Amino acid sequence: MRPRELGLATIQVYSKADKDSLSVRLADESVDIGPPQASKSYLNRDAILVAAKTTGADAIHPGYGFLAENAEFAAYGRGGGLIFVGPTAQSIRLMGDKVAAREAAAAAGNPHGSGQPSGVT
């Protein structure tokens, strides 16, 4: 389902390079968070959280890439009083450690492929 179908408004953050993007045009509201360089916009967690707070957002979805696999951002967003739409910081950290992720999958009874049972040094 799309947010509007659920009665939710969308707020899209964007860098100056993406101001005319489809996602910005389709959003109910949009916020410029900085210059085209990702390190100064999409990776600027403070700018993203200020945008969320300023617009009155209740939740934050990290999108794909950039901060989607960043455990600190997940914790930072939740710590900032927002619902983080994604895995917990703990889960992100666990899945980032491939040996620990395999062990967790095995412990949960989930099938997993064969491979190196321990880390390669």
C-alpha atoms as a PDB file:
ATOM      1  CA  MET A   1       0.000   0.000   0.000  1.00  0.00           C
ATOM      2  CA  ARG A   2       1.057   3.544  -0.575  1.00  0.00           C
ATOM      3  CA  PRO A   3       1.077   6.109   2.218  1.00  0.00           C
ATOM      4  CA  ARG A   4      -1.934   8.019   0.860  1.00  0.00           C
ATOM      5  CA  GLU A   5      -3.948   4.798   0.755  1.00  0.00           C
ATOM      6  CA  LEU A   6      -3.257   4.522   4.480  1.00  0.00           C
ATOM      7  CA  GLY A   7      -4.213   8.144   5.124  1.00  0.00           C
ATOM      8  CA  LEU A   8      -0.587   9.187   5.677  1.00  0.00           C
ATOM      9  CA  ALA A   9       1.046  12.333   4.357  1.00  0.00           C
ATOM     10  CA  THR A  10       4.552  12.074   2.928  1.00  0.00           C
ATOM     11  CA  ILE A  11       7.480  14.390   3.458  1.00  0.00           C
ATOM     12  CA  GLN A  12      10.411  14.005   1.080  1.00  0.00           C
ATOM     13  CA  VAL A  13      13.871  15.322   1.878  1.00  0.00           C
ATOM     14  CA  TYR A  14      16.060  16.126  -1.111  1.00  0.00           C
ATOM     15  CA  SER A  15      19.375  17.629  -2.115  1.00  0.00           C
ATOM     16  CA  LYS A  16      19.475  20.586  -4.479  1.00  0.00           C
ATOM     17  CA  ALA A  17      20.387  18.151  -7.280  1.00  0.00           C
ATOM     18  CA  ASP A  18      17.087  16.295  -6.819  1.00  0.00           C
ATOM     19  CA  LYS A  19      14.703  19.221  -6.369  1.00  0.00           C
ATOM     20  CA  ASP A  20      12.775  18.314  -9.537  1.00  0.00           C
ATOM     21  CA  SER A  21      12.713  14.548  -8.953  1.00  0.00           C
ATOM     22  CA  LEU A  22       9.529  12.516  -9.161  1.00  0.00           C
ATOM     23  CA  SER A  23       9.600  11.671  -5.453  1.00  0.00           C
ATOM     24  CA  VAL A  24       9.729  15.364  -4.556  1.00  0.00           C
ATOM     25  CA  ARG A  25       6.880  16.168  -6.943  1.00  0.00           C
ATOM     26  CA  LEU A  26       4.715  13.357  -5.555  1.00  0.00           C
ATOM     27  CA  ALA A  27       5.316  14.162  -1.885  1.00  0.00           C
ATOM     28  CA  ASP A  28       2.787  16.124   0.127  1.00  0.00           C
ATOM     29  CA  GLU A  29       5.652  18.228   1.450  1.00  0.00           C
ATOM     30  CA  SER A  30       9.357  18.418   0.645  1.00  0.00           C
ATOM     31  CA  VAL A  31      12.391  19.806   2.444  1.00  0.00           C
ATOM     32  CA  ASP A  32      15.723  20.841   0.937  1.00  0.00           C
ATOM     33  CA  ILE A  33      18.451  19.358   3.141  1.00  0.00           C
ATOM     34  CA  GLY A  34      21.512  20.613   1.341  1.00  0.00           C
ATOM     35  CA  PRO A  35      23.832  20.661  -1.631  1.00  0.00           C
ATOM     36  CA  PRO A  36      24.192  17.883  -4.225  1.00  0.00           C
ATOM     37  CA  GLN A  37      27.059  16.158  -2.403  1.00  0.00           C
ATOM     38  CA  ALA A  38      25.575  13.211  -0.506  1.00  0.00           C
ATOM     39  CA  SER A  39      27.951  13.772   2.414  1.00  0.00           C
ATOM     40  CA  LYS A  40      26.402  17.205   2.910  1.00  0.00           C
ATOM     41  CA  SER A  41      22.764  16.210   2.377  1.00  0.00           C
ATOM     42  CA  TYR A  42      21.578  12.595   2.367  1.00  0.00           C
ATOM     43  CA  LEU A  43      24.254  11.503   4.841  1.00  0.00           C
ATOM     44  CA  ASN A  44      23.653  14.497   7.102  1.00  0.00           C
ATOM     45  CA  ARG A  45      21.509  12.868   9.757  1.00  0.00           C
ATOM     46  CA  ASP A  46      21.101  16.132  11.666  1.00  0.00           C
ATOM     47  CA  ALA A  47      19.598  17.868   8.613  1.00  0.00           C
ATOM     48  CA  ILE A  48      17.242  14.954   8.046  1.00  0.00           C
ATOM     49  CA  LEU A  49      16.072  14.886  11.654  1.00  0.00           C
ATOM     50  CA  VAL A  50      15.643  18.673  11.742  1.00  0.00           C
ATOM     51  CA  ALA A  51      13.470  18.347   8.626  1.00  0.00           C
ATOM     52  CA  ALA A  52      11.417  15.646  10.348  1.00  0.00           C
ATOM     53  CA  LYS A  53      10.960  17.707  13.504  1.00  0.00           C
ATOM     54  CA  THR A  54      10.218  20.946  11.628  1.00  0.00           C
ATOM     55  CA  THR A  55       7.498  19.320   9.547  1.00  0.00           C
ATOM     56  CA  GLY A  56       5.968  17.463  12.487  1.00  0.00           C
ATOM     57  CA  ALA A  57       6.764  14.003  11.126  1.00  0.00           C
ATOM     58  CA  ASP A  58       5.950  11.032  13.336  1.00  0.00           C
ATOM     59  CA  ALA A  59       8.089   8.509  11.495  1.00  0.00           C
ATOM     60  CA  ILE A  60      11.121   8.322   9.267  1.00  0.00           C
ATOM     61  CA  HIS A  61      11.866   5.852   6.475  1.00  0.00           C
ATOM     62  CA  PRO A  62      15.544   5.838   5.533  1.00  0.00           C
ATOM     63  CA  GLY A  63      14.966   4.902   1.901  1.00  0.00           C
ATOM     64  CA  TYR A  64      17.438   2.601   0.181  1.00  0.00           C
ATOM     65  CA  GLY A  65      21.189   2.902   0.557  1.00  0.00           C
ATOM     66  CA  PHE A  66      22.764   5.883   2.305  1.00  0.00           C
ATOM     67  CA  LEU A  67      21.388   5.602   5.849  1.00  0.00           C
ATOM     68  CA  ALA A  68      19.169   2.536   5.396  1.00  0.00           C
ATOM     69  CA  GLU A  69      21.882   0.216   6.709  1.00  0.00           C
ATOM     70  CA  ASN A  70      23.304   2.607   9.275  1.00  0.00           C
ATOM     71  CA  ALA A  71      22.711   1.373  12.817  1.00  0.00           C
ATOM     72  CA  GLU A  72      23.606   4.735  14.328  1.00  0.00           C
ATOM     73  CA  PHE A  73      20.964   6.493  12.224  1.00  0.00           C
ATOM     74  CA  ALA A  74      18.315   3.966  13.284  1.00  0.00           C
ATOM     75  CA  ALA A  75      19.179   4.552  16.929  1.00  0.00           C
ATOM     76  CA  TYR A  76      19.474   8.317  16.429  1.00  0.00           C
ATOM     77  CA  GLY A  77      16.035   8.525  14.794  1.00  0.00           C
ATOM     78  CA  ARG A  78      14.377   6.458  17.500  1.00  0.00           C
ATOM     79  CA  GLY A  79      16.221   8.435  20.162  1.00  0.00           C
ATOM     80  CA  GLY A  80      14.885  11.613  18.571  1.00  0.00           C
ATOM     81  CA  GLY A  81      11.321  10.509  19.276  1.00  0.00           C
ATOM     82  CA  LEU A  82      10.531   9.241  15.783  1.00  0.00           C
ATOM     83  CA  ILE A  83       9.245   5.894  14.642  1.00  0.00           C
ATOM     84  CA  PHE A  84      12.036   4.389  12.531  1.00  0.00           C
ATOM     85  CA  VAL A  85      10.494   2.405   9.675  1.00  0.00           C
ATOM     86  CA  GLY A  86      13.052  -0.334   9.393  1.00  0.00           C
ATOM     87  CA  PRO A  87      15.034  -2.771  11.468  1.00  0.00           C
ATOM     88  CA  THR A  88      16.366  -1.927  14.895  1.00  0.00           C
ATOM     89  CA  ALA A  89      19.912  -0.673  15.296  1.00  0.00           C
ATOM     90  CA  GLN A  90      20.769  -4.001  16.929  1.00  0.00           C
ATOM     91  CA  SER A  91      19.467  -5.943  13.907  1.00  0.00           C
ATOM     92  CA  ILE A  92      21.371  -3.729  11.479  1.00  0.00           C
ATOM     93  CA  ARG A  93      24.596  -4.288  13.434  1.00  0.00           C
ATOM     94  CA  LEU A  94      23.970  -8.047  13.596  1.00  0.00           C
ATOM     95  CA  MET A  95      23.303  -8.348   9.862  1.00  0.00           C
ATOM     96  CA  GLY A  96      26.413  -6.288   9.146  1.00  0.00           C
ATOM     97  CA  ASP A  97      28.530  -9.000  10.777  1.00  0.00           C
ATOM     98  CA  LYS A  98      28.157 -11.923   8.382  1.00  0.00           C
ATOM     99  CA  VAL A  99      29.447 -14.571  10.787  1.00  0.00           C
ATOM    100  CA  ALA A 100      27.113 -13.391  13.567  1.00  0.00           C
ATOM    101  CA  ALA A 101      24.241 -13.151  11.057  1.00  0.00           C
ATOM    102  CA  ARG A 102      24.755 -16.765   9.958  1.00  0.00           C
ATOM    103  CA  GLU A 103      24.892 -17.888  13.594  1.00  0.00           C
ATOM    104  CA  ALA A 104      21.685 -15.984  14.397  1.00  0.00           C
ATOM    105  CA  ALA A 105      19.909 -17.493  11.382  1.00  0.00           C
ATOM    106  CA  ALA A 106      21.012 -20.989  12.367  1.00  0.00           C
ATOM    107  CA  ALA A 107      19.986 -20.438  16.009  1.00  0.00           C
ATOM    108  CA  ALA A 108      16.535 -19.328  14.835  1.00  0.00           C
ATOM    109  CA  GLY A 109      16.198 -22.467  12.720  1.00  0.00           C
ATOM    110  CA  ASN A 110      16.320 -20.595   9.435  1.00  0.00           C
ATOM    111  CA  PRO A 111      17.901 -22.288   6.460  1.00  0.00           C
ATOM    112  CA  HIS A 112      21.124 -20.742   5.242  1.00  0.00           C
ATOM    113  CA  GLY A 113      23.626 -21.561   2.564  1.00  0.00           C
ATOM    114  CA  SER A 114      26.819 -23.388   3.147  1.00  0.00           C
ATOM    115  CA  GLY A 115      29.946 -21.344   3.475  1.00  0.00           C
ATOM    116  CA  GLN A 116      32.752 -20.486   5.803  1.00  0.00           C
ATOM    117  CA  PRO A 117      31.449 -21.285   9.327  1.00  0.00           C
ATOM    118  CA  SER A 118      33.805 -18.781  10.913  1.00  0.00           C
ATOM    119  CA  GLY A 119      35.441 -15.548   9.922  1.00  0.00           C
ATOM    120  CA  VAL A 120      38.247 -15.499   7.379  1.00  0.00           C
ATOM    121  CA  THR A 121      41.468 -14.009   8.594  1.00  0.00           C
END
